[in-house]
């Protein structure tokens, strides 16, 4: 039989039914005999339920990228002609590039092509 220290590491996955069948059985067997681990599992359940009740449903729809391809093309055309393209000149847009200010941080800056 598994120790509480081993079982406690599996309680979150047990609550979400993400364990292998033999692990689910082992945890269920332990929970039937251990009030401490059963209490911890009950706390996990309560926290999950509370979070689901206060968190709005997330929308995983694709982002609206209308105009993105055109903007990339304008920047690319501007760099290839070594000047400001007609489309970027009329829109007031300057070519941009991605520059790293520090490791892990990125900023958009005007491109010098």
Protein backbone atom coordinates (compact mmCIF):
# COMPACT_ATOMS: atom_id res chain seq x y z
CA UNK A 1 0.00 0.00 0.00
CA UNK A 2 1.27 3.48 -0.92
CA UNK A 3 2.22 6.07 1.68
CA UNK A 4 0.31 9.33 2.10
CA UNK A 5 3.33 11.25 0.77
CA UNK A 6 3.09 9.33 -2.52
CA UNK A 7 -0.70 9.49 -2.76
CA UNK A 8 -0.86 13.23 -2.00
CA UNK A 9 1.17 13.90 -5.15
CA UNK A 10 -1.48 12.13 -7.23
CA UNK A 11 -4.62 13.66 -5.72
CA UNK A 12 -4.96 16.51 -8.23
CA UNK A 13 -4.63 14.14 -11.16
CA UNK A 14 -7.01 11.72 -9.43
CA UNK A 15 -9.59 14.50 -9.04
CA UNK A 16 -9.29 15.24 -12.78
CA UNK A 17 -9.30 11.50 -13.71
CA UNK A 18 -5.91 11.88 -15.39
CA UNK A 19 -4.21 8.86 -13.81
CA UNK A 20 -3.68 5.48 -15.38
CA UNK A 21 -6.36 2.93 -14.40
CA UNK A 22 -4.06 1.09 -11.98
CA UNK A 23 -3.08 4.41 -10.32
CA UNK A 24 -6.75 5.45 -10.05
CA UNK A 25 -7.45 2.15 -8.31
CA UNK A 26 -4.48 2.53 -5.96
CA UNK A 27 -5.50 6.07 -4.96
CA UNK A 28 -9.15 5.07 -4.49
CA UNK A 29 -8.08 2.14 -2.30
CA UNK A 30 -5.90 4.45 -0.19
CA UNK A 31 -8.66 7.08 0.10
CA UNK A 32 -11.11 4.48 1.39
CA UNK A 33 -8.80 3.97 4.38
CA UNK A 34 -7.20 7.38 4.93
CA UNK A 35 -9.18 10.28 6.35
CA UNK A 36 -6.27 12.71 5.95
CA UNK A 37 -5.89 12.16 2.19
CA UNK A 38 -9.68 12.13 1.77
CA UNK A 39 -9.81 15.54 3.42
CA UNK A 40 -7.09 16.88 1.11
CA UNK A 41 -8.99 15.54 -1.92
CA UNK A 42 -12.15 17.24 -0.64
CA UNK A 43 -10.22 20.52 -0.45
CA UNK A 44 -9.02 20.05 -4.05
CA UNK A 45 -12.62 19.49 -5.13
CA UNK A 46 -13.82 22.60 -3.29
CA UNK A 47 -11.09 24.80 -4.78
CA UNK A 48 -11.81 23.51 -8.29
CA UNK A 49 -15.54 24.08 -7.90
CA UNK A 50 -15.01 27.61 -6.56
CA UNK A 51 -12.61 28.52 -9.37
CA UNK A 52 -15.02 27.27 -12.01
CA UNK A 53 -17.82 29.33 -10.48
CA UNK A 54 -15.89 32.63 -10.52
CA UNK A 55 -13.90 32.23 -13.74
CA UNK A 56 -15.77 33.30 -16.87
CA UNK A 57 -15.77 30.86 -19.74
CA UNK A 58 -12.65 31.40 -21.80
CA UNK A 59 -13.05 32.01 -25.52
CA UNK A 60 -10.48 30.01 -27.45
CA UNK A 61 -11.64 31.28 -30.85
CA UNK A 62 -8.95 32.22 -33.33
CA UNK A 63 -7.81 35.84 -32.95
CA UNK A 64 -8.96 38.38 -35.51
CA UNK A 65 -5.96 38.82 -37.81
CA UNK A 66 -7.69 40.97 -40.40
CA UNK A 67 -5.08 43.18 -42.01
CA UNK A 68 -2.12 41.37 -40.46
CA UNK A 69 -0.86 39.89 -43.75
CA UNK A 70 -1.16 43.28 -45.47
CA UNK A 71 0.80 44.97 -42.68
CA UNK A 72 3.58 42.38 -42.91
CA UNK A 73 3.68 42.78 -46.69
CA UNK A 74 3.97 46.58 -46.39
CA UNK A 75 6.88 46.24 -43.97
CA UNK A 76 8.56 43.67 -46.19
CA UNK A 77 8.11 45.77 -49.33
CA UNK A 78 9.49 48.80 -47.51
CA UNK A 79 12.64 46.92 -46.52
CA UNK A 80 13.20 45.41 -49.97
CA UNK A 81 13.04 48.80 -51.68
CA UNK A 82 15.41 50.32 -49.09
CA UNK A 83 12.98 53.11 -48.55
CA UNK A 84 9.45 53.80 -47.53
CA UNK A 85 6.97 52.02 -49.75
CA UNK A 86 4.12 53.96 -51.31
CA UNK A 87 1.57 52.12 -49.20
CA UNK A 88 3.38 52.83 -45.94
CA UNK A 89 4.01 56.44 -46.93
CA UNK A 90 0.33 57.07 -47.51
CA UNK A 91 -0.70 55.28 -44.34
CA UNK A 92 1.97 56.95 -42.24
CA UNK A 93 3.28 53.55 -41.18
CA UNK A 94 7.01 53.05 -40.83
CA UNK A 95 8.66 49.68 -41.29
CA UNK A 96 9.24 48.02 -37.93
CA UNK A 97 11.50 45.30 -36.61
CA UNK A 98 11.63 43.23 -33.47
CA UNK A 99 14.57 44.15 -31.24
CA UNK A 100 15.63 42.59 -27.96
CA UNK A 101 16.21 45.09 -25.19
CA UNK A 102 17.26 42.40 -22.75
CA UNK A 103 17.14 38.60 -22.66
CA UNK A 104 13.53 37.52 -22.92
CA UNK A 105 12.19 41.03 -23.59
CA UNK A 106 11.29 42.23 -27.06
CA UNK A 107 10.21 45.61 -28.36
CA UNK A 108 9.00 46.86 -31.73
CA UNK A 109 11.28 49.51 -33.17
CA UNK A 110 11.41 51.33 -36.50
CA UNK A 111 13.42 49.29 -38.97
CA UNK A 112 16.49 50.69 -40.68
CA UNK A 113 16.50 47.80 -43.21
